Amino acid sequence: MNELLIKLAECIEFGKINMASPYPPQMKGQEGADEITRRALEEGVPPQDILTNGLMPGMERIGMKFRENKVFVPQVLMSAKAMSTAMLHLKPHFLSGAAKQKGTFIIGTVLGDLHDIGKNLVGMMVEGNGYKVIDLGTDVGSEKFIEAVKEYPNAVVGLSALLTTTMVNMEKITREIKEAMPGTLVTIGGAPVNNDFCSKIGADNYSPDPQGVVEYLNSKIA
């Protein structure tokens, strides 16, 4: 595999954004995701290869470490920042059709809930694994989810909630999405929810961590 892509995957895994970034200390003064992605494109590496063999392996490794409690939210956010920086160079290629995303993922924190760190982590991890992510934000009701599914008919929907008082809204939203757009897959996550709750409300999947959402999407779409 291209040496640049191996280095890019490392930058994503360890959260090395660009040469000026002091983080992580062991990579201080080295090129980051920004410079390496630009250089790879200049050297003619296909955008699809940069995504598949550079960004995705790095995001997968940080996702697994997070699942195993080997790293924590700040490290994952640094990896996501590095990934977003690289994606800025790749986005024009997605728009032109030179590179393709696996599918579309619509995510939002449900009605009444303003927490967004978990949602953001999932969105970043999913995007870094090759999906188009439509982030509807927080305090999102059924109508907004349904509008987005109508715009992206084969998308998978992710519902997030951090409060026991708002997790109940997942049931109504899931039901109304499935009534309006039958066949739409809904995955849920957040501190108070679990597999039993997922089955009870008629959702299709529960993931306790961002990597689980990626694995579910890959099993259904990729």
N, C-alpha and C. Protein backbone atom coordinates (compact mmCIF):
# COMPACT_ATOMS: atom_id res chain seq x y z
N MET A 1 0.84 -1.20 0.00
CA MET A 1 0.00 0.00 0.00
C MET A 1 0.88 1.26 0.00
N ASN A 2 0.38 2.31 -0.61
CA ASN A 2 1.09 3.58 -0.68
C ASN A 2 1.54 4.03 0.72
N GLU A 3 2.83 4.36 0.84
CA GLU A 3 3.37 4.79 2.14
C GLU A 3 2.65 6.01 2.70
N LEU A 4 2.25 6.91 1.80
CA LEU A 4 1.52 8.11 2.24
C LEU A 4 0.23 7.73 2.95
N LEU A 5 -0.44 6.68 2.45
CA LEU A 5 -1.73 6.29 3.04
C LEU A 5 -1.53 5.63 4.40
N ILE A 6 -0.43 4.91 4.54
CA ILE A 6 -0.11 4.31 5.85
C ILE A 6 0.11 5.44 6.86
N LYS A 7 0.84 6.46 6.42
CA LYS A 7 1.13 7.62 7.28
C LYS A 7 -0.16 8.38 7.60
N LEU A 8 -1.04 8.50 6.59
CA LEU A 8 -2.31 9.20 6.79
C LEU A 8 -3.16 8.47 7.82
N ALA A 9 -3.22 7.15 7.73
CA ALA A 9 -3.99 6.36 8.70
C ALA A 9 -3.46 6.59 10.11
N GLU A 10 -2.14 6.72 10.25
CA GLU A 10 -1.54 7.00 11.56
C GLU A 10 -1.96 8.38 12.07
N CYS A 11 -1.95 9.36 11.16
CA CYS A 11 -2.35 10.73 11.54
C CYS A 11 -3.79 10.73 12.05
N ILE A 12 -4.65 9.97 11.39
CA ILE A 12 -6.06 9.91 11.82
C ILE A 12 -6.15 9.21 13.17
N GLU A 13 -5.49 8.08 13.29
CA GLU A 13 -5.55 7.29 14.54
C GLU A 13 -5.09 8.11 15.73
N PHE A 14 -4.01 8.89 15.56
CA PHE A 14 -3.43 9.62 16.70
C PHE A 14 -3.86 11.09 16.76
N GLY A 15 -4.67 11.53 15.79
CA GLY A 15 -5.20 12.89 15.86
C GLY A 15 -4.23 13.98 15.45
N LYS A 16 -3.36 13.67 14.48
CA LYS A 16 -2.39 14.65 13.99
C LYS A 16 -3.04 15.42 12.84
N ILE A 17 -3.43 16.66 13.10
CA ILE A 17 -4.22 17.44 12.15
C ILE A 17 -3.34 18.01 11.03
N ASN A 18 -2.29 18.75 11.42
CA ASN A 18 -1.38 19.34 10.42
C ASN A 18 -0.01 19.54 11.07
N MET A 19 0.93 20.05 10.28
CA MET A 19 2.29 20.17 10.79
C MET A 19 2.37 21.11 11.99
N ALA A 20 1.53 22.15 11.98
CA ALA A 20 1.58 23.15 13.07
C ALA A 20 1.01 22.61 14.39
N SER A 21 0.22 21.55 14.31
CA SER A 21 -0.44 21.02 15.51
C SER A 21 0.57 20.36 16.46
N PRO A 22 0.55 20.78 17.76
CA PRO A 22 1.49 20.18 18.71
C PRO A 22 1.06 18.79 19.19
N TYR A 23 -0.17 18.41 18.82
CA TYR A 23 -0.72 17.13 19.30
C TYR A 23 -0.70 16.11 18.17
N PRO A 24 -0.40 14.85 18.44
CA PRO A 24 0.14 14.30 19.68
C PRO A 24 1.63 14.61 19.80
N PRO A 25 2.14 14.69 21.04
CA PRO A 25 3.53 15.12 21.25
C PRO A 25 4.55 14.30 20.46
N GLN A 26 4.29 12.98 20.32
CA GLN A 26 5.28 12.14 19.63
C GLN A 26 5.35 12.41 18.11
N MET A 27 4.38 13.17 17.58
CA MET A 27 4.39 13.49 16.14
C MET A 27 4.62 14.99 15.89
N LYS A 28 5.08 15.69 16.91
CA LYS A 28 5.31 17.14 16.79
C LYS A 28 6.29 17.43 15.66
N GLY A 29 5.96 18.42 14.83
CA GLY A 29 6.85 18.80 13.74
C GLY A 29 6.71 17.96 12.48
N GLN A 30 5.87 16.92 12.55
CA GLN A 30 5.65 16.06 11.38
C GLN A 30 4.44 16.57 10.59
N GLU A 31 4.38 16.17 9.33
CA GLU A 31 3.19 16.48 8.53
C GLU A 31 1.97 15.80 9.15
N GLY A 32 0.81 16.44 8.97
CA GLY A 32 -0.43 15.87 9.49
C GLY A 32 -1.37 15.45 8.37
N ALA A 33 -2.61 15.16 8.74
CA ALA A 33 -3.61 14.69 7.77
C ALA A 33 -3.80 15.70 6.64
N ASP A 34 -3.71 16.98 6.97
CA ASP A 34 -3.91 18.05 5.99
C ASP A 34 -2.87 17.96 4.86
N GLU A 35 -1.60 18.00 5.24
CA GLU A 35 -0.53 18.00 4.23
C GLU A 35 -0.46 16.67 3.47
N ILE A 36 -0.63 15.57 4.20
CA ILE A 36 -0.47 14.26 3.55
C ILE A 36 -1.59 14.00 2.54
N THR A 37 -2.81 14.40 2.88
CA THR A 37 -3.92 14.22 1.93
C THR A 37 -3.68 15.05 0.67
N ARG A 38 -3.25 16.29 0.88
CA ARG A 38 -2.99 17.16 -0.27
C ARG A 38 -1.89 16.57 -1.15
N ARG A 39 -0.83 16.06 -0.50
CA ARG A 39 0.30 15.50 -1.24
C ARG A 39 -0.12 14.24 -2.00
N ALA A 40 -0.95 13.41 -1.35
CA ALA A 40 -1.41 12.18 -2.01
C ALA A 40 -2.19 12.51 -3.28
N LEU A 41 -3.07 13.52 -3.19
CA LEU A 41 -3.85 13.93 -4.37
C LEU A 41 -2.93 14.47 -5.46
N GLU A 42 -1.94 15.27 -5.06
CA GLU A 42 -0.99 15.83 -6.04
C GLU A 42 -0.19 14.74 -6.73
N GLU A 43 0.08 13.66 -5.99
CA GLU A 43 0.87 12.56 -6.56
C GLU A 43 0.01 11.56 -7.35
N GLY A 44 -1.28 11.89 -7.46
CA GLY A 44 -2.15 11.07 -8.30
C GLY A 44 -2.78 9.88 -7.61
N VAL A 45 -2.74 9.85 -6.28
CA VAL A 45 -3.41 8.75 -5.56
C VAL A 45 -4.93 8.97 -5.71
N PRO A 46 -5.68 7.97 -6.18
CA PRO A 46 -7.13 8.16 -6.37
C PRO A 46 -7.81 8.55 -5.06
N PRO A 47 -8.73 9.53 -5.11
CA PRO A 47 -9.44 9.96 -3.90
C PRO A 47 -10.09 8.78 -3.16
N GLN A 48 -10.61 7.83 -3.94
CA GLN A 48 -11.26 6.66 -3.31
C GLN A 48 -10.26 5.88 -2.46
N ASP A 49 -9.02 5.75 -2.95
CA ASP A 49 -7.99 5.02 -2.20
C ASP A 49 -7.61 5.78 -0.92
N ILE A 50 -7.59 7.10 -1.02
CA ILE A 50 -7.26 7.91 0.16
C ILE A 50 -8.30 7.67 1.25
N LEU A 51 -9.57 7.63 0.85
CA LEU A 51 -10.66 7.37 1.80
C LEU A 51 -10.57 5.95 2.35
N THR A 52 -10.48 4.98 1.43
CA THR A 52 -10.59 3.56 1.81
C THR A 52 -9.35 3.05 2.53
N ASN A 53 -8.17 3.49 2.10
CA ASN A 53 -6.93 2.92 2.65
C ASN A 53 -6.18 3.87 3.58
N GLY A 54 -6.68 5.11 3.71
CA GLY A 54 -6.04 6.06 4.61
C GLY A 54 -6.95 6.43 5.77
N LEU A 55 -8.06 7.09 5.44
CA LEU A 55 -8.95 7.59 6.50
C LEU A 55 -9.67 6.45 7.24
N MET A 56 -10.23 5.52 6.48
CA MET A 56 -11.05 4.48 7.12
C MET A 56 -10.27 3.59 8.09
N PRO A 57 -9.06 3.11 7.73
CA PRO A 57 -8.32 2.29 8.71
C PRO A 57 -7.98 3.06 9.98
N GLY A 58 -7.63 4.37 9.83
CA GLY A 58 -7.32 5.18 11.01
C GLY A 58 -8.53 5.35 11.90
N MET A 59 -9.69 5.64 11.30
CA MET A 59 -10.92 5.81 12.09
C MET A 59 -11.35 4.50 12.73
N GLU A 60 -11.13 3.40 12.03
CA GLU A 60 -11.51 2.10 12.61
C GLU A 60 -10.65 1.80 13.83
N ARG A 61 -9.36 2.11 13.74
CA ARG A 61 -8.46 1.80 14.87
C ARG A 61 -8.80 2.65 16.09
N ILE A 62 -9.09 3.95 15.88
CA ILE A 62 -9.44 4.80 17.03
C ILE A 62 -10.81 4.37 17.58
N GLY A 63 -11.71 3.93 16.69
CA GLY A 63 -13.02 3.45 17.13
C GLY A 63 -12.91 2.22 18.01
N MET A 64 -12.01 1.30 17.64
CA MET A 64 -11.82 0.09 18.44
C MET A 64 -11.18 0.44 19.79
N LYS A 65 -10.22 1.36 19.78
CA LYS A 65 -9.57 1.76 21.04
C LYS A 65 -10.60 2.40 21.99
N PHE A 66 -11.49 3.21 21.41
CA PHE A 66 -12.52 3.88 22.22
C PHE A 66 -13.46 2.84 22.83
N ARG A 67 -13.83 1.85 22.03
CA ARG A 67 -14.71 0.77 22.51
C ARG A 67 -14.06 0.04 23.68
N GLU A 68 -12.74 -0.14 23.61
CA GLU A 68 -12.01 -0.91 24.64
C GLU A 68 -11.52 -0.02 25.79
N ASN A 69 -11.99 1.24 25.81
CA ASN A 69 -11.59 2.20 26.86
C ASN A 69 -10.08 2.45 26.91
N LYS A 70 -9.42 2.33 25.76
CA LYS A 70 -7.98 2.61 25.70
C LYS A 70 -7.73 4.09 25.41
N VAL A 71 -8.73 4.75 24.84
CA VAL A 71 -8.68 6.21 24.64
C VAL A 71 -10.02 6.78 25.06
N PHE A 72 -10.07 8.11 25.20
CA PHE A 72 -11.29 8.74 25.69
C PHE A 72 -11.76 9.82 24.70
N VAL A 73 -12.88 10.46 25.03
CA VAL A 73 -13.52 11.38 24.09
C VAL A 73 -12.56 12.42 23.49
N PRO A 74 -11.69 13.07 24.30
CA PRO A 74 -10.81 14.09 23.69
C PRO A 74 -9.93 13.53 22.57
N GLN A 75 -9.39 12.31 22.76
CA GLN A 75 -8.56 11.71 21.70
C GLN A 75 -9.39 11.43 20.45
N VAL A 76 -10.62 10.95 20.65
CA VAL A 76 -11.48 10.65 19.50
C VAL A 76 -11.82 11.94 18.75
N LEU A 77 -12.05 13.01 19.50
CA LEU A 77 -12.35 14.29 18.86
C LEU A 77 -11.16 14.80 18.05
N MET A 78 -9.95 14.57 18.54
CA MET A 78 -8.76 14.98 17.78
C MET A 78 -8.65 14.16 16.50
N SER A 79 -8.94 12.86 16.58
CA SER A 79 -8.93 12.01 15.38
C SER A 79 -9.98 12.49 14.38
N ALA A 80 -11.15 12.83 14.91
CA ALA A 80 -12.24 13.30 14.05
C ALA A 80 -11.87 14.62 13.39
N LYS A 81 -11.16 15.48 14.12
CA LYS A 81 -10.72 16.77 13.56
C LYS A 81 -9.72 16.53 12.42
N ALA A 82 -8.80 15.59 12.66
CA ALA A 82 -7.82 15.25 11.61
C ALA A 82 -8.54 14.69 10.38
N MET A 83 -9.53 13.84 10.63
CA MET A 83 -10.30 13.24 9.53
C MET A 83 -11.06 14.33 8.76
N SER A 84 -11.68 15.26 9.49
CA SER A 84 -12.45 16.33 8.83
C SER A 84 -11.54 17.20 7.96
N THR A 85 -10.33 17.44 8.44
CA THR A 85 -9.36 18.25 7.69
C THR A 85 -9.02 17.56 6.36
N ALA A 86 -8.81 16.24 6.44
CA ALA A 86 -8.51 15.48 5.22
C ALA A 86 -9.71 15.47 4.28
N MET A 87 -10.91 15.36 4.86
CA MET A 87 -12.13 15.29 4.04
C MET A 87 -12.38 16.57 3.25
N LEU A 88 -11.91 17.70 3.76
CA LEU A 88 -12.06 18.96 3.01
C LEU A 88 -11.41 18.85 1.64
N HIS A 89 -10.28 18.14 1.56
CA HIS A 89 -9.60 17.96 0.27
C HIS A 89 -10.35 16.96 -0.62
N LEU A 90 -11.05 16.02 0.02
CA LEU A 90 -11.71 14.94 -0.75
C LEU A 90 -13.12 15.30 -1.21
N LYS A 91 -13.78 16.21 -0.48
CA LYS A 91 -15.19 16.50 -0.78
C LYS A 91 -15.45 16.89 -2.23
N PRO A 92 -14.59 17.74 -2.85
CA PRO A 92 -14.85 18.07 -4.25
C PRO A 92 -14.88 16.84 -5.15
N HIS A 93 -14.11 15.83 -4.79
CA HIS A 93 -14.06 14.59 -5.60
C HIS A 93 -15.34 13.76 -5.42
N PHE A 94 -15.94 13.84 -4.22
CA PHE A 94 -17.23 13.16 -4.02
C PHE A 94 -18.30 13.86 -4.84
N LEU A 95 -18.26 15.19 -4.83
CA LEU A 95 -19.27 15.96 -5.56
C LEU A 95 -19.17 15.73 -7.07
N SER A 96 -17.94 15.55 -7.55
CA SER A 96 -17.74 15.36 -9.00
C SER A 96 -18.02 13.92 -9.42
N GLY A 97 -18.13 13.02 -8.42
CA GLY A 97 -18.37 11.60 -8.75
C GLY A 97 -17.09 10.80 -8.93
N ALA A 98 -15.92 11.46 -8.74
CA ALA A 98 -14.64 10.75 -8.88
C ALA A 98 -14.43 9.77 -7.73
N ALA A 99 -15.08 10.04 -6.62
CA ALA A 99 -15.03 9.10 -5.49
C ALA A 99 -16.45 8.90 -5.00
N LYS A 100 -16.73 7.71 -4.49
CA LYS A 100 -18.11 7.40 -4.09
C LYS A 100 -18.17 7.08 -2.59
N GLN A 101 -19.27 7.53 -1.98
CA GLN A 101 -19.51 7.15 -0.59
C GLN A 101 -20.40 5.92 -0.56
N LYS A 102 -20.30 5.17 0.54
CA LYS A 102 -21.00 3.87 0.62
C LYS A 102 -22.51 4.02 0.68
N GLY A 103 -22.95 5.06 1.35
CA GLY A 103 -24.39 5.26 1.53
C GLY A 103 -24.60 6.51 2.36
N THR A 104 -25.84 6.72 2.80
CA THR A 104 -26.17 7.94 3.55
C THR A 104 -26.68 7.59 4.94
N PHE A 105 -26.25 8.35 5.93
CA PHE A 105 -26.65 8.15 7.32
C PHE A 105 -27.20 9.47 7.84
N ILE A 106 -28.45 9.44 8.29
CA ILE A 106 -29.10 10.63 8.86
C ILE A 106 -29.07 10.49 10.37
N ILE A 107 -28.57 11.50 11.06
CA ILE A 107 -28.49 11.38 12.52
C ILE A 107 -29.00 12.64 13.20
N GLY A 108 -29.60 12.46 14.38
CA GLY A 108 -30.06 13.60 15.16
C GLY A 108 -30.32 13.18 16.60
N THR A 109 -30.21 14.15 17.51
CA THR A 109 -30.61 13.90 18.90
C THR A 109 -32.11 14.18 18.98
N VAL A 110 -32.84 13.30 19.63
CA VAL A 110 -34.31 13.35 19.56
C VAL A 110 -34.92 14.55 20.30
N LEU A 111 -36.16 14.81 19.95
CA LEU A 111 -36.96 15.91 20.50
C LEU A 111 -36.79 16.04 22.02
N GLY A 112 -36.53 17.28 22.48
CA GLY A 112 -36.42 17.53 23.91
C GLY A 112 -35.02 17.38 24.47
N ASP A 113 -34.09 16.85 23.66
CA ASP A 113 -32.74 16.56 24.15
C ASP A 113 -31.73 17.42 23.39
N LEU A 114 -30.89 18.14 24.14
CA LEU A 114 -29.93 19.05 23.52
C LEU A 114 -28.49 18.53 23.57
N HIS A 115 -28.31 17.30 23.98
CA HIS A 115 -26.95 16.74 24.08
C HIS A 115 -26.44 16.34 22.70
N ASP A 116 -25.20 16.72 22.43
CA ASP A 116 -24.73 16.41 21.06
C ASP A 116 -23.36 15.76 20.96
N ILE A 117 -22.65 15.56 22.09
CA ILE A 117 -21.29 14.99 21.96
C ILE A 117 -21.35 13.57 21.41
N GLY A 118 -22.24 12.75 21.95
CA GLY A 118 -22.36 11.36 21.47
C GLY A 118 -22.75 11.32 20.00
N LYS A 119 -23.73 12.15 19.66
CA LYS A 119 -24.19 12.22 18.26
C LYS A 119 -23.05 12.65 17.35
N ASN A 120 -22.29 13.65 17.78
CA ASN A 120 -21.19 14.15 16.95
C ASN A 120 -20.11 13.09 16.75
N LEU A 121 -19.81 12.37 17.82
CA LEU A 121 -18.79 11.31 17.71
C LEU A 121 -19.23 10.25 16.71
N VAL A 122 -20.49 9.84 16.80
CA VAL A 122 -21.00 8.83 15.86
C VAL A 122 -20.94 9.37 14.43
N GLY A 123 -21.41 10.61 14.24
CA GLY A 123 -21.41 11.20 12.90
C GLY A 123 -20.02 11.26 12.30
N MET A 124 -19.05 11.68 13.11
CA MET A 124 -17.67 11.78 12.62
C MET A 124 -17.09 10.41 12.28
N MET A 125 -17.37 9.44 13.14
CA MET A 125 -16.85 8.09 12.93
C MET A 125 -17.46 7.48 11.66
N VAL A 126 -18.76 7.70 11.48
CA VAL A 126 -19.45 7.16 10.30
C VAL A 126 -18.92 7.84 9.02
N GLU A 127 -18.74 9.17 9.09
CA GLU A 127 -18.23 9.88 7.91
C GLU A 127 -16.83 9.39 7.56
N GLY A 128 -16.00 9.19 8.59
CA GLY A 128 -14.64 8.73 8.36
C GLY A 128 -14.58 7.33 7.80
N ASN A 129 -15.67 6.61 7.89
CA ASN A 129 -15.74 5.26 7.35
C ASN A 129 -16.44 5.21 5.99
N GLY A 130 -16.55 6.38 5.37
CA GLY A 130 -16.96 6.39 3.97
C GLY A 130 -18.42 6.65 3.67
N TYR A 131 -19.16 7.17 4.64
CA TYR A 131 -20.59 7.47 4.43
C TYR A 131 -20.83 8.97 4.35
N LYS A 132 -21.88 9.33 3.63
CA LYS A 132 -22.36 10.72 3.64
C LYS A 132 -23.21 10.86 4.90
N VAL A 133 -22.93 11.87 5.70
CA VAL A 133 -23.66 12.05 6.96
C VAL A 133 -24.50 13.32 6.90
N ILE A 134 -25.80 13.17 7.16
CA ILE A 134 -26.71 14.31 7.25
C ILE A 134 -27.01 14.50 8.74
N ASP A 135 -26.44 15.52 9.34
CA ASP A 135 -26.60 15.76 10.79
C ASP A 135 -27.72 16.78 10.99
N LEU A 136 -28.81 16.34 11.58
CA LEU A 136 -29.97 17.22 11.78
C LEU A 136 -29.88 18.03 13.07
N GLY A 137 -28.83 17.78 13.87
CA GLY A 137 -28.65 18.56 15.09
C GLY A 137 -29.35 17.93 16.29
N THR A 138 -29.79 18.80 17.23
CA THR A 138 -30.43 18.32 18.46
C THR A 138 -31.90 18.72 18.48
N ASP A 139 -32.65 18.13 19.42
CA ASP A 139 -34.07 18.48 19.61
C ASP A 139 -34.85 18.27 18.30
N VAL A 140 -34.64 17.09 17.68
CA VAL A 140 -35.22 16.83 16.36
C VAL A 140 -36.47 15.94 16.48
N GLY A 141 -37.57 16.40 15.90
CA GLY A 141 -38.82 15.64 15.91
C GLY A 141 -38.99 14.79 14.67
N SER A 142 -40.06 14.02 14.64
CA SER A 142 -40.34 13.09 13.53
C SER A 142 -40.33 13.77 12.17
N GLU A 143 -40.96 14.96 12.09
CA GLU A 143 -41.14 15.61 10.78
C GLU A 143 -39.80 15.83 10.10
N LYS A 144 -38.82 16.31 10.88
CA LYS A 144 -37.51 16.63 10.31
C LYS A 144 -36.80 15.35 9.83
N PHE A 145 -36.91 14.28 10.63
CA PHE A 145 -36.31 13.00 10.22
C PHE A 145 -36.98 12.50 8.93
N ILE A 146 -38.31 12.59 8.88
CA ILE A 146 -39.05 12.09 7.71
C ILE A 146 -38.70 12.88 6.46
N GLU A 147 -38.62 14.21 6.59
CA GLU A 147 -38.21 15.06 5.46
C GLU A 147 -36.86 14.61 4.90
N ALA A 148 -35.93 14.34 5.83
CA ALA A 148 -34.57 13.95 5.41
C ALA A 148 -34.59 12.58 4.72
N VAL A 149 -35.41 11.66 5.24
CA VAL A 149 -35.49 10.32 4.62
C VAL A 149 -36.12 10.43 3.23
N LYS A 150 -37.08 11.33 3.07
CA LYS A 150 -37.69 11.52 1.73
C LYS A 150 -36.65 12.06 0.75
N GLU A 151 -35.76 12.90 1.25
CA GLU A 151 -34.71 13.45 0.39
C GLU A 151 -33.63 12.42 0.07
N TYR A 152 -33.36 11.53 1.04
CA TYR A 152 -32.34 10.47 0.86
C TYR A 152 -33.00 9.12 1.15
N PRO A 153 -33.76 8.59 0.17
CA PRO A 153 -34.65 7.46 0.43
C PRO A 153 -34.00 6.18 0.98
N ASN A 154 -32.75 5.90 0.65
CA ASN A 154 -32.17 4.66 1.15
C ASN A 154 -31.29 4.85 2.38
N ALA A 155 -31.40 6.02 2.99
CA ALA A 155 -30.56 6.32 4.15
C ALA A 155 -30.97 5.49 5.36
N VAL A 156 -30.00 5.26 6.23
CA VAL A 156 -30.26 4.68 7.55
C VAL A 156 -30.36 5.84 8.53
N VAL A 157 -31.28 5.75 9.50
CA VAL A 157 -31.49 6.84 10.46
C VAL A 157 -30.89 6.45 11.81
N GLY A 158 -30.17 7.40 12.43
CA GLY A 158 -29.63 7.20 13.77
C GLY A 158 -30.29 8.16 14.75
N LEU A 159 -30.85 7.62 15.83
CA LEU A 159 -31.48 8.44 16.87
C LEU A 159 -30.62 8.39 18.12
N SER A 160 -30.34 9.58 18.70
CA SER A 160 -29.52 9.65 19.90
C SER A 160 -30.32 10.30 21.03
N ALA A 161 -30.11 9.82 22.27
CA ALA A 161 -30.73 10.45 23.44
C ALA A 161 -29.82 10.21 24.65
N LEU A 162 -29.71 11.20 25.51
CA LEU A 162 -28.88 11.03 26.70
C LEU A 162 -29.71 10.98 27.98
N LEU A 163 -30.99 11.31 27.87
CA LEU A 163 -31.82 11.41 29.08
C LEU A 163 -32.93 10.36 29.09
N THR A 164 -33.25 9.87 30.27
CA THR A 164 -34.36 8.91 30.38
C THR A 164 -35.67 9.59 30.02
N THR A 165 -35.74 10.91 30.23
CA THR A 165 -36.97 11.65 29.92
C THR A 165 -37.17 11.85 28.42
N THR A 166 -36.07 11.80 27.64
CA THR A 166 -36.22 12.02 26.19
C THR A 166 -36.14 10.72 25.39
N MET A 167 -35.59 9.66 26.00
CA MET A 167 -35.48 8.40 25.25
C MET A 167 -36.86 7.88 24.83
N VAL A 168 -37.89 8.25 25.62
CA VAL A 168 -39.24 7.80 25.28
C VAL A 168 -39.69 8.36 23.92
N ASN A 169 -39.15 9.51 23.54
CA ASN A 169 -39.52 10.10 22.24
C ASN A 169 -39.01 9.28 21.06
N MET A 170 -38.03 8.40 21.33
CA MET A 170 -37.51 7.55 20.25
C MET A 170 -38.59 6.63 19.69
N GLU A 171 -39.50 6.20 20.57
CA GLU A 171 -40.55 5.26 20.14
C GLU A 171 -41.47 5.90 19.10
N LYS A 172 -41.95 7.10 19.41
CA LYS A 172 -42.86 7.81 18.50
C LYS A 172 -42.14 8.13 17.18
N ILE A 173 -40.90 8.61 17.29
CA ILE A 173 -40.15 8.99 16.08
C ILE A 173 -39.89 7.76 15.21
N THR A 174 -39.50 6.67 15.83
CA THR A 174 -39.24 5.42 15.06
C THR A 174 -40.52 4.98 14.36
N ARG A 175 -41.63 4.97 15.10
CA ARG A 175 -42.91 4.52 14.52
C ARG A 175 -43.32 5.40 13.34
N GLU A 176 -43.20 6.71 13.53
CA GLU A 176 -43.67 7.63 12.48
C GLU A 176 -42.76 7.60 11.25
N ILE A 177 -41.45 7.39 11.45
CA ILE A 177 -40.55 7.25 10.29
C ILE A 177 -40.95 6.02 9.49
N LYS A 178 -41.20 4.92 10.20
CA LYS A 178 -41.50 3.65 9.52
C LYS A 178 -42.89 3.68 8.86
N GLU A 179 -43.81 4.45 9.44
CA GLU A 179 -45.14 4.60 8.80
C GLU A 179 -45.01 5.42 7.52
N ALA A 180 -44.21 6.49 7.59
CA ALA A 180 -44.09 7.40 6.44
C ALA A 180 -43.21 6.79 5.34
N MET A 181 -42.14 6.11 5.75
CA MET A 181 -41.18 5.54 4.79
C MET A 181 -40.88 4.09 5.18
N PRO A 182 -41.80 3.16 4.86
CA PRO A 182 -41.62 1.77 5.26
C PRO A 182 -40.28 1.22 4.74
N GLY A 183 -39.67 0.39 5.56
CA GLY A 183 -38.40 -0.21 5.15
C GLY A 183 -37.19 0.58 5.60
N THR A 184 -37.41 1.79 6.13
CA THR A 184 -36.27 2.59 6.62
C THR A 184 -35.68 1.94 7.87
N LEU A 185 -34.37 1.78 7.89
CA LEU A 185 -33.70 1.19 9.06
C LEU A 185 -33.38 2.28 10.07
N VAL A 186 -33.65 1.98 11.35
CA VAL A 186 -33.40 2.94 12.43
C VAL A 186 -32.47 2.30 13.45
N THR A 187 -31.36 2.98 13.75
CA THR A 187 -30.45 2.52 14.80
C THR A 187 -30.47 3.55 15.93
N ILE A 188 -30.41 3.08 17.18
CA ILE A 188 -30.49 4.00 18.31
C ILE A 188 -29.25 3.86 19.20
N GLY A 189 -28.98 4.93 19.97
CA GLY A 189 -27.86 4.89 20.90
C GLY A 189 -27.99 5.99 21.92
N GLY A 190 -27.18 5.88 22.99
CA GLY A 190 -27.21 6.87 24.07
C GLY A 190 -27.18 6.17 25.41
N ALA A 191 -26.76 6.89 26.42
CA ALA A 191 -26.55 6.29 27.74
C ALA A 191 -27.73 5.50 28.30
N PRO A 192 -28.98 5.99 28.18
CA PRO A 192 -30.05 5.25 28.88
C PRO A 192 -30.66 4.09 28.08
N VAL A 193 -30.27 3.91 26.81
CA VAL A 193 -30.97 2.90 26.00
C VAL A 193 -30.17 1.60 25.91
N ASN A 194 -30.87 0.53 25.56
CA ASN A 194 -30.21 -0.78 25.44
C ASN A 194 -30.97 -1.63 24.41
N ASN A 195 -30.54 -2.87 24.25
CA ASN A 195 -31.15 -3.76 23.26
C ASN A 195 -32.63 -4.02 23.52
N ASP A 196 -32.98 -4.19 24.80
CA ASP A 196 -34.38 -4.47 25.14
C ASP A 196 -35.27 -3.30 24.72
N PHE A 197 -34.80 -2.09 25.01
CA PHE A 197 -35.56 -0.89 24.65
C PHE A 197 -35.68 -0.80 23.13
N CYS A 198 -34.59 -1.13 22.44
CA CYS A 198 -34.57 -1.11 20.97
C CYS A 198 -35.66 -2.02 20.41
N SER A 199 -35.74 -3.25 20.94
CA SER A 199 -36.77 -4.21 20.48
C SER A 199 -38.17 -3.69 20.80
N LYS A 200 -38.31 -3.13 22.00
CA LYS A 200 -39.62 -2.67 22.47
C LYS A 200 -40.18 -1.57 21.56
N ILE A 201 -39.32 -0.67 21.07
CA ILE A 201 -39.83 0.47 20.30
C ILE A 201 -39.85 0.20 18.79
N GLY A 202 -39.38 -0.99 18.40
CA GLY A 202 -39.44 -1.33 16.97
C GLY A 202 -38.30 -0.79 16.14
N ALA A 203 -37.19 -0.38 16.82
CA ALA A 203 -36.00 0.05 16.07
C ALA A 203 -35.26 -1.20 15.58
N ASP A 204 -34.32 -1.01 14.66
CA ASP A 204 -33.65 -2.14 14.04
C ASP A 204 -32.33 -2.51 14.68
N ASN A 205 -31.72 -1.55 15.39
CA ASN A 205 -30.39 -1.82 15.94
C ASN A 205 -30.10 -0.89 17.10
N TYR A 206 -29.37 -1.42 18.08
CA TYR A 206 -28.83 -0.60 19.17
C TYR A 206 -27.32 -0.80 19.19
N SER A 207 -26.58 0.30 19.27
CA SER A 207 -25.13 0.22 19.39
C SER A 207 -24.67 1.00 20.61
N PRO A 208 -23.86 0.39 21.46
CA PRO A 208 -23.38 1.09 22.65
C PRO A 208 -22.24 2.06 22.36
N ASP A 209 -21.64 1.98 21.16
CA ASP A 209 -20.51 2.86 20.85
C ASP A 209 -20.50 3.17 19.35
N PRO A 210 -19.75 4.22 18.95
CA PRO A 210 -19.75 4.63 17.53
C PRO A 210 -19.30 3.53 16.58
N GLN A 211 -18.32 2.73 16.98
CA GLN A 211 -17.81 1.68 16.10
C GLN A 211 -18.92 0.67 15.78
N GLY A 212 -19.80 0.45 16.76
CA GLY A 212 -20.92 -0.47 16.55
C GLY A 212 -21.86 0.02 15.46
N VAL A 213 -22.05 1.34 15.40
CA VAL A 213 -22.91 1.93 14.35
C VAL A 213 -22.27 1.69 12.98
N VAL A 214 -20.95 1.91 12.91
CA VAL A 214 -20.23 1.68 11.65
C VAL A 214 -20.38 0.22 11.20
N GLU A 215 -20.20 -0.70 12.15
CA GLU A 215 -20.30 -2.12 11.81
C GLU A 215 -21.72 -2.48 11.35
N TYR A 216 -22.72 -1.88 11.99
CA TYR A 216 -24.11 -2.13 11.56
C TYR A 216 -24.34 -1.62 10.16
N LEU A 217 -23.90 -0.39 9.88
CA LEU A 217 -24.08 0.17 8.54
C LEU A 217 -23.36 -0.69 7.50
N ASN A 218 -22.13 -1.09 7.81
CA ASN A 218 -21.39 -1.93 6.86
C ASN A 218 -22.12 -3.23 6.58
N SER A 219 -22.77 -3.78 7.61
CA SER A 219 -23.47 -5.06 7.43
C SER A 219 -24.73 -4.89 6.57
N LYS A 220 -25.29 -3.68 6.56
CA LYS A 220 -26.54 -3.45 5.84
C LYS A 220 -26.34 -2.81 4.48
N ILE A 221 -25.28 -2.01 4.34
CA ILE A 221 -25.14 -1.21 3.11
C ILE A 221 -23.95 -1.66 2.29
N ALA A 222 -22.79 -1.73 2.94
CA ALA A 222 -21.53 -1.92 2.18
C ALA A 222 -21.45 -3.32 1.57
